[in-house]
Amino acid sequence: MTCWYEGPLAAFDTETTGVDVETDRIVSAAVVVQDAPGTRPRVTRWLVNPGVPVPEAATAVHGLTDDHLQRNGRWPAPVMYEIAEQLAEQAAAGRPLVVMNAPFDLTILDRELRRHRASSLDHWFRSSPLLVLDPRVLDKHLDRYRKGRRTLTDLCAHYEVTLDGAHDAGADALAALDVVRAVGRRFAARLERLSPNELHHLQTGWHAAQARGLQAWFARSGTPEAVDPAWPLRPDVPAEAA
């Protein structure tokens, strides 16, 4: 029987105007589908005119300027619908979805759906649940004592995965997918008996534990930053609390 990391996987990634999931916007996104390791991936891309200025700091990361997005980007409402529809199709097909740092990308998509479609991400997965594989959570749990950063670039270097064109949504999604396959192979003895559904639920606890550890470290170092333990989607913030 083929293990999940050798079977069909999908992956999702976004590029945005910033790092605040409640206020920032998606400027590009991609969904990558691969039926097996080494097979040709199918990539769907979206370019979005967010309707707000793109900070220079964000452009410096992903290279997408206001002018380019205004000329070539689509309005957010139909794009968010298409992305959610595509992710729902992957769930219905039983393909686990790889999302690097899922609470960021999935939450910002949820907020864009609420903003432009008066909907939510959960609405799309009532019949078929979304099963997420987060390479950052998996790697940190399975190799918790390894020192160093765990960005996508770092994980690609550690697992010998090629990342061509970092901070392009399609390139990042494909690289994250390849990292998850590499994690599966490296830790096969601990993962091969687990189904994607079991892993999804385990990652909820693993991420929460990781968040508590990071929060404790912030407290010891005097850093006021708060770490959200929710995974893979952060709860909506009530309007009066926003």
C-alpha atoms as a PDB file:
ATOM      1  CA  MET A   1       0.000   0.000   0.000  1.00  0.00           C
ATOM      2  CA  THR A   2       1.334   3.433  -0.989  1.00  0.00           C
ATOM      3  CA  CYS A   3       2.128   5.702   1.947  1.00  0.00           C
ATOM      4  CA  TRP A   4       0.541   9.143   1.926  1.00  0.00           C
ATOM      5  CA  TYR A   5       3.861  10.872   1.244  1.00  0.00           C
ATOM      6  CA  GLU A   6       4.330   8.810  -1.935  1.00  0.00           C
ATOM      7  CA  GLY A   7       0.772   9.409  -3.163  1.00  0.00           C
ATOM      8  CA  PRO A   8      -1.263  12.342  -4.487  1.00  0.00           C
ATOM      9  CA  LEU A   9      -0.736  15.659  -2.701  1.00  0.00           C
ATOM     10  CA  ALA A  10      -1.796  19.242  -3.285  1.00  0.00           C
ATOM     11  CA  ALA A  11      -0.144  22.401  -1.964  1.00  0.00           C
ATOM     12  CA  PHE A  12      -1.240  26.007  -1.438  1.00  0.00           C
ATOM     13  CA  ASP A  13       0.704  29.234  -0.982  1.00  0.00           C
ATOM     14  CA  THR A  14       0.071  32.971  -1.048  1.00  0.00           C
ATOM     15  CA  GLU A  15       2.025  36.196  -1.383  1.00  0.00           C
ATOM     16  CA  THR A  16       0.573  39.151   0.484  1.00  0.00           C
ATOM     17  CA  THR A  17       0.787  42.848   1.317  1.00  0.00           C
ATOM     18  CA  GLY A  18       2.150  42.036   4.774  1.00  0.00           C
ATOM     19  CA  VAL A  19       2.091  39.645   7.706  1.00  0.00           C
ATOM     20  CA  ASP A  20      -1.109  40.647   9.541  1.00  0.00           C
ATOM     21  CA  VAL A  21      -3.787  38.108   8.605  1.00  0.00           C
ATOM     22  CA  GLU A  22      -6.555  40.413   9.849  1.00  0.00           C
ATOM     23  CA  THR A  23      -5.704  43.462   7.736  1.00  0.00           C
ATOM     24  CA  ASP A  24      -3.309  42.480   4.965  1.00  0.00           C
ATOM     25  CA  ARG A  25      -4.368  41.199   1.543  1.00  0.00           C
ATOM     26  CA  ILE A  26      -3.469  38.442  -0.902  1.00  0.00           C
ATOM     27  CA  VAL A  27      -1.689  39.614  -4.066  1.00  0.00           C
ATOM     28  CA  SER A  28      -0.910  36.214  -5.567  1.00  0.00           C
ATOM     29  CA  ALA A  29      -1.691  32.578  -4.856  1.00  0.00           C
ATOM     30  CA  ALA A  30      -1.086  29.140  -6.286  1.00  0.00           C
ATOM     31  CA  VAL A  31      -2.366  25.596  -5.919  1.00  0.00           C
ATOM     32  CA  VAL A  32      -0.055  22.765  -6.988  1.00  0.00           C
ATOM     33  CA  VAL A  33      -1.265  19.202  -7.513  1.00  0.00           C
ATOM     34  CA  GLN A  34       1.086  16.230  -7.918  1.00  0.00           C
ATOM     35  CA  ASP A  35      -0.075  12.634  -8.278  1.00  0.00           C
ATOM     36  CA  ALA A  36       3.212  11.015  -7.203  1.00  0.00           C
ATOM     37  CA  PRO A  37       6.839  11.977  -6.523  1.00  0.00           C
ATOM     38  CA  GLY A  38       8.666  12.940  -9.698  1.00  0.00           C
ATOM     39  CA  THR A  39       5.524  13.364 -11.787  1.00  0.00           C
ATOM     40  CA  ARG A  40       4.759  16.639 -13.517  1.00  0.00           C
ATOM     41  CA  PRO A  41       2.889  18.988 -11.146  1.00  0.00           C
ATOM     42  CA  ARG A  42      -0.230  20.860 -12.257  1.00  0.00           C
ATOM     43  CA  VAL A  43      -0.095  24.500 -11.172  1.00  0.00           C
ATOM     44  CA  THR A  44      -2.957  26.992 -10.971  1.00  0.00           C
ATOM     45  CA  ARG A  45      -1.957  30.601 -10.315  1.00  0.00           C
ATOM     46  CA  TRP A  46      -3.844  33.757  -9.423  1.00  0.00           C
ATOM     47  CA  LEU A  47      -2.684  37.388  -9.532  1.00  0.00           C
ATOM     48  CA  VAL A  48      -4.779  39.823  -7.485  1.00  0.00           C
ATOM     49  CA  ASN A  49      -5.245  43.578  -7.504  1.00  0.00           C
ATOM     50  CA  PRO A  50      -5.806  43.910  -3.738  1.00  0.00           C
ATOM     51  CA  GLY A  51      -7.444  47.322  -3.923  1.00  0.00           C
ATOM     52  CA  VAL A  52      -5.016  48.745  -1.365  1.00  0.00           C
ATOM     53  CA  PRO A  53      -1.447  50.015  -1.741  1.00  0.00           C
ATOM     54  CA  VAL A  54       1.285  47.389  -1.611  1.00  0.00           C
ATOM     55  CA  PRO A  55       3.995  48.433   0.866  1.00  0.00           C
ATOM     56  CA  GLU A  56       7.511  48.685  -0.503  1.00  0.00           C
ATOM     57  CA  ALA A  57       8.647  46.147   2.097  1.00  0.00           C
ATOM     58  CA  ALA A  58       6.225  43.570   0.668  1.00  0.00           C
ATOM     59  CA  THR A  59       7.254  44.326  -2.912  1.00  0.00           C
ATOM     60  CA  ALA A  60      10.885  43.832  -1.867  1.00  0.00           C
ATOM     61  CA  VAL A  61       9.962  40.268  -0.827  1.00  0.00           C
ATOM     62  CA  HIS A  62       7.826  39.058  -3.725  1.00  0.00           C
ATOM     63  CA  GLY A  63       8.588  41.613  -6.442  1.00  0.00           C
ATOM     64  CA  LEU A  64       4.936  42.496  -7.145  1.00  0.00           C
ATOM     65  CA  THR A  65       4.429  46.256  -7.490  1.00  0.00           C
ATOM     66  CA  ASP A  66       1.278  48.350  -7.320  1.00  0.00           C
ATOM     67  CA  ASP A  67       1.557  49.167 -10.994  1.00  0.00           C
ATOM     68  CA  HIS A  68       1.958  45.529 -12.042  1.00  0.00           C
ATOM     69  CA  LEU A  69      -0.971  44.368  -9.910  1.00  0.00           C
ATOM     70  CA  GLN A  70      -3.245  47.169 -11.095  1.00  0.00           C
ATOM     71  CA  ARG A  71      -2.453  46.355 -14.719  1.00  0.00           C
ATOM     72  CA  ASN A  72      -2.508  42.566 -14.493  1.00  0.00           C
ATOM     73  CA  GLY A  73      -4.253  41.553 -11.286  1.00  0.00           C
ATOM     74  CA  ARG A  74      -7.901  40.530 -11.021  1.00  0.00           C
ATOM     75  CA  TRP A  75     -10.413  41.813  -8.499  1.00  0.00           C
ATOM     76  CA  PRO A  76     -10.311  39.830  -5.254  1.00  0.00           C
ATOM     77  CA  ALA A  77     -13.924  38.598  -5.038  1.00  0.00           C
ATOM     78  CA  PRO A  78     -13.876  36.120  -7.958  1.00  0.00           C
ATOM     79  CA  VAL A  79     -10.310  35.055  -7.189  1.00  0.00           C
ATOM     80  CA  MET A  80     -11.093  34.149  -3.572  1.00  0.00           C
ATOM     81  CA  TYR A  81     -14.075  32.129  -4.758  1.00  0.00           C
ATOM     82  CA  GLU A  82     -11.913  30.246  -7.276  1.00  0.00           C
ATOM     83  CA  ILE A  83      -9.193  29.514  -4.710  1.00  0.00           C
ATOM     84  CA  ALA A  84     -11.696  28.200  -2.154  1.00  0.00           C
ATOM     85  CA  GLU A  85     -13.391  26.136  -4.860  1.00  0.00           C
ATOM     86  CA  GLN A  86     -10.054  24.656  -5.902  1.00  0.00           C
ATOM     87  CA  LEU A  87      -9.151  23.741  -2.322  1.00  0.00           C
ATOM     88  CA  ALA A  88     -12.582  22.178  -1.827  1.00  0.00           C
ATOM     89  CA  GLU A  89     -12.011  20.088  -4.962  1.00  0.00           C
ATOM     90  CA  GLN A  90      -8.745  18.791  -3.534  1.00  0.00           C
ATOM     91  CA  ALA A  91     -10.487  17.865  -0.278  1.00  0.00           C
ATOM     92  CA  ALA A  92     -13.283  16.105  -2.169  1.00  0.00           C
ATOM     93  CA  ALA A  93     -10.682  14.144  -4.135  1.00  0.00           C
ATOM     94  CA  GLY A  94      -9.047  13.051  -0.873  1.00  0.00           C
ATOM     95  CA  ARG A  95      -5.771  14.851  -1.534  1.00  0.00           C
ATOM     96  CA  PRO A  96      -4.040  16.173   1.592  1.00  0.00           C
ATOM     97  CA  LEU A  97      -3.153  19.856   1.280  1.00  0.00           C
ATOM     98  CA  VAL A  98       0.406  20.945   2.063  1.00  0.00           C
ATOM     99  CA  VAL A  99       0.566  24.478   3.503  1.00  0.00           C
ATOM    100  CA  MET A 100       3.761  25.881   4.949  1.00  0.00           C
ATOM    101  CA  ASN A 101       2.806  27.790   8.120  1.00  0.00           C
ATOM    102  CA  ALA A 102      -0.852  26.970   7.530  1.00  0.00           C
ATOM    103  CA  PRO A 103      -2.280  29.373  10.148  1.00  0.00           C
ATOM    104  CA  PHE A 104      -1.015  32.271   8.052  1.00  0.00           C
ATOM    105  CA  ASP A 105      -2.066  31.289   4.526  1.00  0.00           C
ATOM    106  CA  LEU A 106      -5.365  29.646   5.436  1.00  0.00           C
ATOM    107  CA  THR A 107      -6.346  32.405   7.856  1.00  0.00           C
ATOM    108  CA  ILE A 108      -5.616  35.232   5.439  1.00  0.00           C
ATOM    109  CA  LEU A 109      -7.651  33.382   2.789  1.00  0.00           C
ATOM    110  CA  ASP A 110     -10.505  33.037   5.307  1.00  0.00           C
ATOM    111  CA  ARG A 111     -10.391  36.781   6.036  1.00  0.00           C
ATOM    112  CA  GLU A 112     -10.386  37.608   2.323  1.00  0.00           C
ATOM    113  CA  LEU A 113     -13.431  35.367   1.824  1.00  0.00           C
ATOM    114  CA  ARG A 114     -15.201  37.146   4.675  1.00  0.00           C
ATOM    115  CA  ARG A 115     -14.192  40.543   3.292  1.00  0.00           C
ATOM    116  CA  HIS A 116     -15.128  39.976  -0.357  1.00  0.00           C
ATOM    117  CA  ARG A 117     -17.579  37.034  -0.354  1.00  0.00           C
ATOM    118  CA  ALA A 118     -19.378  37.314   3.009  1.00  0.00           C
ATOM    119  CA  SER A 119     -18.297  33.699   3.475  1.00  0.00           C
ATOM    120  CA  SER A 120     -15.695  31.744   5.418  1.00  0.00           C
ATOM    121  CA  LEU A 121     -13.175  29.050   4.597  1.00  0.00           C
ATOM    122  CA  ASP A 122     -14.946  26.480   6.779  1.00  0.00           C
ATOM    123  CA  HIS A 123     -18.047  26.838   4.606  1.00  0.00           C
ATOM    124  CA  TRP A 124     -16.242  25.080   1.763  1.00  0.00           C
ATOM    125  CA  PHE A 125     -15.359  21.957   3.735  1.00  0.00           C
ATOM    126  CA  ARG A 126     -18.659  20.897   5.256  1.00  0.00           C
ATOM    127  CA  SER A 127     -18.956  17.784   3.090  1.00  0.00           C
ATOM    128  CA  SER A 128     -15.255  16.888   2.691  1.00  0.00           C
ATOM    129  CA  PRO A 129     -12.829  17.914   5.464  1.00  0.00           C
ATOM    130  CA  LEU A 130      -9.617  19.729   4.633  1.00  0.00           C
ATOM    131  CA  LEU A 131      -6.623  17.608   5.652  1.00  0.00           C
ATOM    132  CA  VAL A 132      -3.554  19.779   6.080  1.00  0.00           C
ATOM    133  CA  LEU A 133       0.119  18.828   6.199  1.00  0.00           C
ATOM    134  CA  ASP A 134       2.292  21.670   7.500  1.00  0.00           C
ATOM    135  CA  PRO A 135       6.012  21.027   6.891  1.00  0.00           C
ATOM    136  CA  ARG A 136       6.997  23.466   9.609  1.00  0.00           C
ATOM    137  CA  VAL A 137       4.893  21.743  12.268  1.00  0.00           C
ATOM    138  CA  LEU A 138       5.929  18.273  11.126  1.00  0.00           C
ATOM    139  CA  ASP A 139       9.648  19.071  11.030  1.00  0.00           C
ATOM    140  CA  LYS A 140       9.625  20.863  14.370  1.00  0.00           C
ATOM    141  CA  HIS A 141       7.864  17.949  16.073  1.00  0.00           C
ATOM    142  CA  LEU A 142       9.882  15.161  14.464  1.00  0.00           C
ATOM    143  CA  ASP A 143      13.281  16.868  14.770  1.00  0.00           C
ATOM    144  CA  ARG A 144      12.603  19.188  17.687  1.00  0.00           C
ATOM    145  CA  TYR A 145      16.140  19.500  19.009  1.00  0.00           C
ATOM    146  CA  ARG A 146      17.752  20.574  15.735  1.00  0.00           C
ATOM    147  CA  LYS A 147      19.084  24.109  16.038  1.00  0.00           C
ATOM    148  CA  GLY A 148      18.547  26.827  13.485  1.00  0.00           C
ATOM    149  CA  ARG A 149      15.682  28.528  11.699  1.00  0.00           C
ATOM    150  CA  ARG A 150      12.873  26.629   9.998  1.00  0.00           C
ATOM    151  CA  THR A 151      11.747  28.873   7.173  1.00  0.00           C
ATOM    152  CA  LEU A 152      10.846  27.225   3.887  1.00  0.00           C
ATOM    153  CA  THR A 153      14.305  28.101   2.544  1.00  0.00           C
ATOM    154  CA  ASP A 154      15.920  26.497   5.593  1.00  0.00           C
ATOM    155  CA  LEU A 155      13.786  23.347   5.329  1.00  0.00           C
ATOM    156  CA  CYS A 156      14.586  23.037   1.626  1.00  0.00           C
ATOM    157  CA  ALA A 157      18.296  23.214   2.397  1.00  0.00           C
ATOM    158  CA  HIS A 158      18.010  20.689   5.235  1.00  0.00           C
ATOM    159  CA  TYR A 159      15.960  18.167   3.232  1.00  0.00           C
ATOM    160  CA  GLU A 160      17.868  18.787  -0.028  1.00  0.00           C
ATOM    161  CA  VAL A 161      14.847  20.121  -1.885  1.00  0.00           C
ATOM    162  CA  THR A 162      15.271  22.509  -4.807  1.00  0.00           C
ATOM    163  CA  LEU A 163      13.556  25.890  -4.400  1.00  0.00           C
ATOM    164  CA  ASP A 164      13.589  27.824  -7.664  1.00  0.00           C
ATOM    165  CA  GLY A 165      12.217  31.345  -7.316  1.00  0.00           C
ATOM    166  CA  ALA A 166      11.550  31.769  -3.594  1.00  0.00           C
ATOM    167  CA  HIS A 167       8.560  33.994  -2.760  1.00  0.00           C
ATOM    168  CA  ASP A 168       6.774  33.036  -5.944  1.00  0.00           C
ATOM    169  CA  ALA A 169       3.560  31.352  -4.769  1.00  0.00           C
ATOM    170  CA  GLY A 170       3.833  28.467  -7.240  1.00  0.00           C
ATOM    171  CA  ALA A 171       7.501  27.812  -6.525  1.00  0.00           C
ATOM    172  CA  ASP A 172       6.975  27.967  -2.757  1.00  0.00           C
ATOM    173  CA  ALA A 173       3.956  25.642  -2.888  1.00  0.00           C
ATOM    174  CA  LEU A 174       5.847  23.040  -4.912  1.00  0.00           C
ATOM    175  CA  ALA A 175       8.881  23.266  -2.633  1.00  0.00           C
ATOM    176  CA  ALA A 176       6.706  22.830   0.463  1.00  0.00           C
ATOM    177  CA  LEU A 177       5.114  19.764  -1.134  1.00  0.00           C
ATOM    178  CA  ASP A 178       8.542  18.288  -1.852  1.00  0.00           C
ATOM    179  CA  VAL A 179       9.675  19.002   1.721  1.00  0.00           C
ATOM    180  CA  VAL A 180       6.666  17.124   3.112  1.00  0.00           C
ATOM    181  CA  ARG A 181       7.494  14.126   0.929  1.00  0.00           C
ATOM    182  CA  ALA A 182      11.100  14.291   2.153  1.00  0.00           C
ATOM    183  CA  VAL A 183       9.961  14.517   5.788  1.00  0.00           C
ATOM    184  CA  GLY A 184       7.741  11.487   5.224  1.00  0.00           C
ATOM    185  CA  ARG A 185      10.594   9.441   3.820  1.00  0.00           C
ATOM    186  CA  ARG A 186      13.090  10.494   6.505  1.00  0.00           C
ATOM    187  CA  PHE A 187      10.706   9.724   9.363  1.00  0.00           C
ATOM    188  CA  ALA A 188       8.895   6.841   7.693  1.00  0.00           C
ATOM    189  CA  ALA A 189       9.105   4.648  10.779  1.00  0.00           C
ATOM    190  CA  ARG A 190       7.088   7.222  12.734  1.00  0.00           C
ATOM    191  CA  LEU A 191       4.738   8.373   9.993  1.00  0.00           C
ATOM    192  CA  GLU A 192       3.920   5.551   7.609  1.00  0.00           C
ATOM    193  CA  ARG A 193       1.226   4.036   9.832  1.00  0.00           C
ATOM    194  CA  LEU A 194      -0.541   7.369  10.268  1.00  0.00           C
ATOM    195  CA  SER A 195      -3.237   8.462   7.849  1.00  0.00           C
ATOM    196  CA  PRO A 196      -3.493  12.100   6.669  1.00  0.00           C
ATOM    197  CA  ASN A 197      -6.607  12.431   8.820  1.00  0.00           C
ATOM    198  CA  GLU A 198      -4.733  11.235  11.901  1.00  0.00           C
ATOM    199  CA  LEU A 199      -1.798  13.509  11.103  1.00  0.00           C
ATOM    200  CA  HIS A 200      -4.076  16.503  10.673  1.00  0.00           C
ATOM    201  CA  HIS A 201      -5.465  16.060  14.183  1.00  0.00           C
ATOM    202  CA  LEU A 202      -2.040  15.311  15.680  1.00  0.00           C
ATOM    203  CA  GLN A 203      -0.616  18.509  14.194  1.00  0.00           C
ATOM    204  CA  THR A 204      -3.288  20.508  16.017  1.00  0.00           C
ATOM    205  CA  GLY A 205      -1.760  19.384  19.319  1.00  0.00           C
ATOM    206  CA  TRP A 206       1.817  19.576  18.098  1.00  0.00           C
ATOM    207  CA  HIS A 207       1.405  23.168  16.935  1.00  0.00           C
ATOM    208  CA  ALA A 208      -0.277  24.163  20.203  1.00  0.00           C
ATOM    209  CA  ALA A 209       2.637  22.701  22.176  1.00  0.00           C
ATOM    210  CA  GLN A 210       5.121  24.477  19.913  1.00  0.00           C
ATOM    211  CA  ALA A 211       3.236  27.746  20.398  1.00  0.00           C
ATOM    212  CA  ARG A 212       3.320  27.352  24.183  1.00  0.00           C
ATOM    213  CA  GLY A 213       7.050  26.741  24.039  1.00  0.00           C
ATOM    214  CA  LEU A 214       7.627  29.826  21.901  1.00  0.00           C
ATOM    215  CA  GLN A 215       5.371  31.904  24.156  1.00  0.00           C
ATOM    216  CA  ALA A 216       7.376  30.813  27.200  1.00  0.00           C
ATOM    217  CA  TRP A 217      10.607  31.757  25.431  1.00  0.00           C
ATOM    218  CA  PHE A 218       9.177  35.195  24.579  1.00  0.00           C
ATOM    219  CA  ALA A 219       8.190  35.644  28.233  1.00  0.00           C
ATOM    220  CA  ARG A 220      11.699  34.781  29.420  1.00  0.00           C
ATOM    221  CA  SER A 221      13.267  37.168  26.931  1.00  0.00           C
ATOM    222  CA  GLY A 222      10.875  40.011  27.702  1.00  0.00           C
ATOM    223  CA  THR A 223       9.264  40.000  24.250  1.00  0.00           C
ATOM    224  CA  PRO A 224       5.604  41.131  24.380  1.00  0.00           C
ATOM    225  CA  GLU A 225       4.574  39.194  21.250  1.00  0.00           C
ATOM    226  CA  ALA A 226       1.641  36.780  21.592  1.00  0.00           C
ATOM    227  CA  VAL A 227       1.676  33.369  19.882  1.00  0.00           C
ATOM    228  CA  ASP A 228      -1.627  31.946  18.656  1.00  0.00           C
ATOM    229  CA  PRO A 229      -1.889  28.189  19.349  1.00  0.00           C
ATOM    230  CA  ALA A 230      -4.696  27.628  16.805  1.00  0.00           C
ATOM    231  CA  TRP A 231      -3.944  25.408  13.802  1.00  0.00           C
ATOM    232  CA  PRO A 232      -4.523  25.218  10.848  1.00  0.00           C
ATOM    233  CA  LEU A 233      -6.936  28.182  10.965  1.00  0.00           C
ATOM    234  CA  ARG A 234      -7.109  30.969  13.514  1.00  0.00           C
ATOM    235  CA  PRO A 235     -10.590  31.763  14.846  1.00  0.00           C
ATOM    236  CA  ASP A 236     -12.342  34.827  13.538  1.00  0.00           C
ATOM    237  CA  VAL A 237     -11.863  37.971  15.597  1.00  0.00           C
ATOM    238  CA  PRO A 238     -15.208  39.539  16.579  1.00  0.00           C
ATOM    239  CA  ALA A 239     -15.680  43.008  15.089  1.00  0.00           C
ATOM    240  CA  GLU A 240     -15.765  44.693  18.505  1.00  0.00           C
ATOM    241  CA  ALA A 241     -12.421  43.052  19.391  1.00  0.00           C
ATOM    242  CA  ALA A 242     -10.674  43.796  16.071  1.00  0.00           C
END
